[in-house]
C-alpha atoms as a PDB file:
ATOM      1  CA  MET A   1     109.894 105.991 110.440  1.00  0.00           C
ATOM      2  CA  PHE A   2     110.213 102.368 109.351  1.00  0.00           C
ATOM      3  CA  LYS A   3     109.857 101.134 112.939  1.00  0.00           C
ATOM      4  CA  GLN A   4     106.671 103.169 113.314  1.00  0.00           C
ATOM      5  CA  PHE A   5     105.179 101.578 110.186  1.00  0.00           C
ATOM      6  CA  VAL A   6     106.147  98.096 111.407  1.00  0.00           C
ATOM      7  CA  TRP A   7     104.441  98.822 114.736  1.00  0.00           C
ATOM      8  CA  ILE A   8     101.270 100.058 113.020  1.00  0.00           C
ATOM      9  CA  ILE A   9     101.103  97.106 110.624  1.00  0.00           C
ATOM     10  CA  SER A  10     101.721  94.720 113.544  1.00  0.00           C
ATOM     11  CA  LEU A  11      98.780  96.268 115.386  1.00  0.00           C
ATOM     12  CA  VAL A  12      96.507  95.687 112.390  1.00  0.00           C
ATOM     13  CA  VAL A  13      97.780  92.110 111.947  1.00  0.00           C
ATOM     14  CA  ILE A  14      97.203  91.300 115.623  1.00  0.00           C
ATOM     15  CA  GLY A  15      93.670  92.654 115.353  1.00  0.00           C
ATOM     16  CA  SER A  16      92.973  90.597 112.244  1.00  0.00           C
ATOM     17  CA  LEU A  17      94.390  87.439 113.792  1.00  0.00           C
ATOM     18  CA  SER A  18      92.314  87.868 116.938  1.00  0.00           C
ATOM     19  CA  ILE A  19      89.130  88.323 114.888  1.00  0.00           C
ATOM     20  CA  THR A  20      89.997  85.214 112.865  1.00  0.00           C
ATOM     21  CA  PHE A  21      90.699  83.286 116.074  1.00  0.00           C
ATOM     22  CA  ALA A  22      87.355  84.357 117.529  1.00  0.00           C
ATOM     23  CA  PHE A  23      85.458  83.113 114.476  1.00  0.00           C
ATOM     24  CA  THR A  24      87.321  79.832 113.985  1.00  0.00           C
ATOM     25  CA  ARG A  25      87.158  78.559 117.568  1.00  0.00           C
ATOM     26  CA  ASN A  26      84.148  77.304 119.455  1.00  0.00           C
ATOM     27  CA  LEU A  27      84.149  79.894 122.239  1.00  0.00           C
ATOM     28  CA  GLU A  28      81.634  80.990 124.820  1.00  0.00           C
ATOM     29  CA  ALA A  29      79.723  84.120 123.896  1.00  0.00           C
ATOM     30  CA  THR A  30      81.503  86.357 126.410  1.00  0.00           C
ATOM     31  CA  VAL A  31      84.961  85.224 125.320  1.00  0.00           C
ATOM     32  CA  PHE A  32      84.025  85.521 121.643  1.00  0.00           C
ATOM     33  CA  TRP A  33      82.742  89.082 121.965  1.00  0.00           C
ATOM     34  CA  THR A  34      85.716  90.129 124.086  1.00  0.00           C
ATOM     35  CA  ILE A  35      88.274  88.826 121.586  1.00  0.00           C
ATOM     36  CA  PHE A  36      86.261  90.097 118.621  1.00  0.00           C
ATOM     37  CA  SER A  37      85.858  93.572 120.156  1.00  0.00           C
ATOM     38  CA  LEU A  38      89.534  93.889 121.058  1.00  0.00           C
ATOM     39  CA  GLY A  39      90.544  92.751 117.573  1.00  0.00           C
ATOM     40  CA  THR A  40      88.223  95.290 115.985  1.00  0.00           C
ATOM     41  CA  ILE A  41      89.595  98.057 118.203  1.00  0.00           C
ATOM     42  CA  CYS A  42      93.175  97.086 117.275  1.00  0.00           C
ATOM     43  CA  ASN A  43      92.294  97.218 113.582  1.00  0.00           C
ATOM     44  CA  LEU A  44      90.519 100.561 113.817  1.00  0.00           C
ATOM     45  CA  VAL A  45      93.267 102.188 115.879  1.00  0.00           C
ATOM     46  CA  GLY A  46      95.965 100.808 113.581  1.00  0.00           C
ATOM     47  CA  VAL A  47      94.257 102.063 110.438  1.00  0.00           C
ATOM     48  CA  LEU A  48      93.570 105.456 112.030  1.00  0.00           C
ATOM     49  CA  ILE A  49      97.195 105.870 113.110  1.00  0.00           C
ATOM     50  CA  LEU A  50      98.364 104.774 109.653  1.00  0.00           C
ATOM     51  CA  TYR A  51      96.053 107.308 108.005  1.00  0.00           C
ATOM     52  CA  ILE A  52      97.263 110.137 110.255  1.00  0.00           C
ATOM     53  CA  THR A  53     100.908 109.183 109.712  1.00  0.00           C
ATOM     54  CA  LEU A  54     100.542 109.062 105.937  1.00  0.00           C
ATOM     55  CA  LYS A  55      98.649 112.359 105.959  1.00  0.00           C
ATOM     56  CA  LYS A  56     101.483 114.012 107.922  1.00  0.00           C
ATOM     57  CA  LEU A  57     104.050 112.489 105.577  1.00  0.00           C
ATOM     58  CA  ASP A  58     102.134 113.785 102.565  1.00  0.00           C
ATOM     59  CA  ARG A  59     102.077 117.294 104.052  1.00  0.00           C
ATOM     60  CA  ILE A  60     105.808 117.189 104.673  1.00  0.00           C
ATOM     61  CA  GLN A  61     106.628 116.086 101.122  1.00  0.00           C
ATOM     62  CA  GLU A  62     104.090 118.325  99.394  1.00  0.00           C
ATOM     63  CA  PRO A  63     105.883 121.331  97.911  1.00  0.00           C
ATOM     64  CA  LYS A  64     104.620 124.690  99.076  1.00  0.00           C
ATOM     65  CA  ARG A  65     103.040 126.773  96.378  1.00  0.00           C
ATOM     66  CA  THR A  66     104.031 130.385  96.189  1.00  0.00           C
ATOM     67  CA  LYS A  67     101.915 133.141  94.763  1.00  0.00           C
ATOM     68  CA  LEU A  68     103.402 135.091  91.908  1.00  0.00           C
END
């Protein structure tokens, strides 16, 4: 489970770094939008996977309620 979280966080960090790189460098428009788009996709996918993983983990740890 820890390796999965490291992979997800790495994906988000790579996306953030690529967006930062795109903004801080003087790039041509095509290169800028390519790097910016890929960074945004990495961030969105990473956050979505993290959300799904935490939701599954919450379901596993949530105690089942029984009717009396």
